[in-house]
Amino acid sequence: MTSEAFARWLQGTRESARDVAFAIGGAYGLSEELRGRARLRLSLAPWTLPHELARLVLAEQLYRAGTIVRGEPYHK
């Protein structure tokens, strides 16, 4: 999903007053139960990231989505 598409999805979710939770797996990933309950699964990169780095990448993408939704300039 592109940054613009993620921003649109996040904004649409917020406008429909639905809660959003992001789960990042540790060294052994996420349980099949949790994966099965997910409405949407995102990939932050095509390679495996340490969960600490994945949290940082997700935080940056959330910030970027906010700037896109507000129409603010964001350097690519």
N, C-alpha and C. Protein backbone atom coordinates (compact mmCIF):
# COMPACT_ATOMS: atom_id res chain seq x y z
N MET A 1 0.85 -1.17 0.00
CA MET A 1 0.00 0.00 0.00
C MET A 1 0.90 1.23 0.00
N THR A 2 0.59 2.16 -0.85
CA THR A 2 1.37 3.41 -0.89
C THR A 2 1.06 4.25 0.34
N SER A 3 1.88 5.26 0.58
CA SER A 3 1.64 6.17 1.69
C SER A 3 0.30 6.88 1.53
N GLU A 4 -0.02 7.28 0.30
CA GLU A 4 -1.29 7.96 0.04
C GLU A 4 -2.47 7.03 0.29
N ALA A 5 -2.36 5.79 -0.15
CA ALA A 5 -3.45 4.82 0.07
C ALA A 5 -3.60 4.52 1.56
N PHE A 6 -2.50 4.40 2.27
CA PHE A 6 -2.55 4.17 3.72
C PHE A 6 -3.23 5.36 4.41
N ALA A 7 -2.89 6.57 4.00
CA ALA A 7 -3.50 7.77 4.59
C ALA A 7 -5.01 7.77 4.34
N ARG A 8 -5.44 7.42 3.13
CA ARG A 8 -6.88 7.37 2.82
C ARG A 8 -7.58 6.31 3.67
N TRP A 9 -6.95 5.13 3.78
CA TRP A 9 -7.53 4.05 4.59
C TRP A 9 -7.65 4.48 6.05
N LEU A 10 -6.59 5.06 6.59
CA LEU A 10 -6.59 5.48 7.99
C LEU A 10 -7.64 6.57 8.23
N GLN A 11 -7.73 7.53 7.33
CA GLN A 11 -8.73 8.60 7.46
C GLN A 11 -10.15 8.03 7.39
N GLY A 12 -10.38 7.14 6.45
CA GLY A 12 -11.70 6.52 6.34
C GLY A 12 -12.07 5.73 7.58
N THR A 13 -11.10 5.06 8.15
CA THR A 13 -11.34 4.30 9.38
C THR A 13 -11.67 5.25 10.53
N ARG A 14 -10.94 6.34 10.62
CA ARG A 14 -11.20 7.33 11.68
C ARG A 14 -12.58 7.96 11.51
N GLU A 15 -12.96 8.26 10.27
CA GLU A 15 -14.25 8.90 10.02
C GLU A 15 -15.42 7.97 10.33
N SER A 16 -15.21 6.68 10.22
CA SER A 16 -16.29 5.73 10.55
C SER A 16 -16.27 5.37 12.04
N ALA A 17 -15.44 6.05 12.81
CA ALA A 17 -15.37 5.90 14.28
C ALA A 17 -15.02 4.49 14.70
N ARG A 18 -14.19 3.82 13.91
CA ARG A 18 -13.73 2.50 14.31
C ARG A 18 -12.38 2.62 14.99
N ASP A 19 -12.17 1.77 15.98
CA ASP A 19 -10.87 1.72 16.64
C ASP A 19 -9.87 0.99 15.76
N VAL A 20 -8.62 1.39 15.86
CA VAL A 20 -7.55 0.75 15.11
C VAL A 20 -6.47 0.31 16.08
N ALA A 21 -5.99 -0.89 15.92
CA ALA A 21 -4.87 -1.40 16.72
C ALA A 21 -3.87 -2.03 15.76
N PHE A 22 -2.63 -1.74 15.97
CA PHE A 22 -1.56 -2.34 15.17
C PHE A 22 -0.81 -3.31 16.06
N ALA A 23 -0.59 -4.51 15.58
CA ALA A 23 0.16 -5.53 16.33
C ALA A 23 1.41 -5.88 15.54
N ILE A 24 2.54 -5.77 16.19
CA ILE A 24 3.82 -6.12 15.56
C ILE A 24 4.38 -7.32 16.32
N GLY A 25 4.65 -8.36 15.60
CA GLY A 25 5.14 -9.58 16.22
C GLY A 25 6.58 -9.46 16.68
N GLY A 26 6.94 -10.29 17.62
CA GLY A 26 8.31 -10.36 18.10
C GLY A 26 9.11 -11.32 17.26
N ALA A 27 10.10 -11.91 17.85
CA ALA A 27 11.02 -12.80 17.13
C ALA A 27 10.31 -14.00 16.51
N TYR A 28 9.20 -14.43 17.11
CA TYR A 28 8.48 -15.60 16.60
C TYR A 28 7.18 -15.22 15.90
N GLY A 29 7.02 -13.95 15.57
CA GLY A 29 5.83 -13.51 14.84
C GLY A 29 4.62 -13.37 15.72
N LEU A 30 3.44 -13.52 15.13
CA LEU A 30 2.16 -13.40 15.83
C LEU A 30 1.47 -14.76 15.82
N SER A 31 0.60 -14.97 16.79
CA SER A 31 -0.13 -16.24 16.85
C SER A 31 -1.10 -16.34 15.67
N GLU A 32 -1.41 -17.56 15.30
CA GLU A 32 -2.38 -17.77 14.22
C GLU A 32 -3.75 -17.22 14.60
N GLU A 33 -4.10 -17.29 15.89
CA GLU A 33 -5.38 -16.75 16.35
C GLU A 33 -5.45 -15.25 16.09
N LEU A 34 -4.40 -14.53 16.46
CA LEU A 34 -4.39 -13.08 16.25
C LEU A 34 -4.38 -12.75 14.76
N ARG A 35 -3.58 -13.46 14.01
CA ARG A 35 -3.52 -13.22 12.56
C ARG A 35 -4.88 -13.48 11.91
N GLY A 36 -5.58 -14.47 12.39
CA GLY A 36 -6.90 -14.80 11.84
C GLY A 36 -7.97 -13.77 12.17
N ARG A 37 -7.80 -13.05 13.27
CA ARG A 37 -8.77 -12.04 13.68
C ARG A 37 -8.55 -10.69 13.00
N ALA A 38 -7.43 -10.53 12.36
CA ALA A 38 -7.09 -9.24 11.75
C ALA A 38 -8.01 -8.95 10.57
N ARG A 39 -8.47 -7.71 10.51
CA ARG A 39 -9.28 -7.28 9.35
C ARG A 39 -8.39 -6.91 8.18
N LEU A 40 -7.19 -6.46 8.48
CA LEU A 40 -6.24 -6.05 7.45
C LEU A 40 -4.85 -6.39 7.92
N ARG A 41 -4.03 -6.88 7.01
CA ARG A 41 -2.64 -7.17 7.33
C ARG A 41 -1.76 -6.31 6.44
N LEU A 42 -0.86 -5.59 7.09
CA LEU A 42 0.05 -4.69 6.38
C LEU A 42 1.45 -5.28 6.38
N SER A 43 2.18 -4.98 5.34
CA SER A 43 3.58 -5.33 5.28
C SER A 43 4.37 -4.04 5.26
N LEU A 44 5.28 -3.87 6.21
CA LEU A 44 6.09 -2.66 6.27
C LEU A 44 7.28 -2.72 5.32
N ALA A 45 7.68 -3.92 4.97
CA ALA A 45 8.82 -4.10 4.06
C ALA A 45 8.78 -5.54 3.55
N PRO A 46 9.40 -5.80 2.41
CA PRO A 46 9.41 -7.17 1.89
C PRO A 46 10.41 -8.07 2.63
N TRP A 47 11.15 -7.52 3.56
CA TRP A 47 12.11 -8.32 4.33
C TRP A 47 11.70 -8.32 5.80
N THR A 48 12.35 -9.13 6.58
CA THR A 48 12.06 -9.21 8.01
C THR A 48 12.77 -8.09 8.75
N LEU A 49 12.03 -7.40 9.61
CA LEU A 49 12.59 -6.32 10.42
C LEU A 49 12.56 -6.71 11.89
N PRO A 50 13.55 -6.31 12.68
CA PRO A 50 13.43 -6.49 14.12
C PRO A 50 12.22 -5.69 14.60
N HIS A 51 11.51 -6.20 15.62
CA HIS A 51 10.26 -5.54 16.00
C HIS A 51 10.49 -4.10 16.47
N GLU A 52 11.65 -3.80 17.03
CA GLU A 52 11.92 -2.41 17.43
C GLU A 52 11.97 -1.49 16.21
N LEU A 53 12.59 -1.95 15.15
CA LEU A 53 12.66 -1.16 13.91
C LEU A 53 11.30 -1.09 13.24
N ALA A 54 10.54 -2.17 13.29
CA ALA A 54 9.19 -2.17 12.71
C ALA A 54 8.32 -1.12 13.40
N ARG A 55 8.45 -0.99 14.73
CA ARG A 55 7.68 0.03 15.44
C ARG A 55 8.05 1.43 14.97
N LEU A 56 9.33 1.66 14.74
CA LEU A 56 9.78 2.96 14.26
C LEU A 56 9.24 3.23 12.86
N VAL A 57 9.28 2.25 11.98
CA VAL A 57 8.77 2.41 10.61
C VAL A 57 7.26 2.69 10.66
N LEU A 58 6.53 1.97 11.49
CA LEU A 58 5.08 2.21 11.61
C LEU A 58 4.80 3.61 12.13
N ALA A 59 5.55 4.04 13.13
CA ALA A 59 5.35 5.39 13.68
C ALA A 59 5.59 6.45 12.61
N GLU A 60 6.61 6.26 11.79
CA GLU A 60 6.90 7.22 10.72
C GLU A 60 5.77 7.22 9.69
N GLN A 61 5.24 6.05 9.36
CA GLN A 61 4.15 5.97 8.38
C GLN A 61 2.87 6.60 8.92
N LEU A 62 2.62 6.46 10.22
CA LEU A 62 1.46 7.12 10.82
C LEU A 62 1.63 8.64 10.77
N TYR A 63 2.83 9.12 11.04
CA TYR A 63 3.10 10.56 10.94
C TYR A 63 2.92 11.03 9.50
N ARG A 64 3.47 10.28 8.57
CA ARG A 64 3.35 10.63 7.15
C ARG A 64 1.88 10.66 6.73
N ALA A 65 1.09 9.68 7.17
CA ALA A 65 -0.33 9.64 6.82
C ALA A 65 -1.04 10.89 7.35
N GLY A 66 -0.69 11.29 8.56
CA GLY A 66 -1.30 12.50 9.12
C GLY A 66 -0.98 13.73 8.31
N THR A 67 0.25 13.85 7.85
CA THR A 67 0.62 15.02 7.04
C THR A 67 -0.09 15.00 5.69
N ILE A 68 -0.26 13.82 5.12
CA ILE A 68 -0.95 13.70 3.84
C ILE A 68 -2.41 14.10 4.00
N VAL A 69 -3.07 13.59 5.03
CA VAL A 69 -4.49 13.89 5.27
C VAL A 69 -4.69 15.39 5.50
N ARG A 70 -3.76 16.02 6.20
CA ARG A 70 -3.88 17.46 6.48
C ARG A 70 -3.43 18.31 5.29
N GLY A 71 -2.92 17.69 4.24
CA GLY A 71 -2.48 18.43 3.06
C GLY A 71 -1.17 19.16 3.27
N GLU A 72 -0.40 18.76 4.27
CA GLU A 72 0.89 19.38 4.54
C GLU A 72 1.96 18.80 3.62
N PRO A 73 2.96 19.58 3.29
CA PRO A 73 4.05 19.03 2.47
C PRO A 73 4.87 18.03 3.29
N TYR A 74 5.29 16.99 2.64
CA TYR A 74 6.13 15.98 3.29
C TYR A 74 7.17 15.54 2.28
N HIS A 75 8.40 15.66 2.63
CA HIS A 75 9.47 15.31 1.70
C HIS A 75 9.48 13.80 1.49
N LYS A 76 9.52 13.40 0.22
CA LYS A 76 9.56 11.97 -0.11
C LYS A 76 10.98 11.49 -0.18
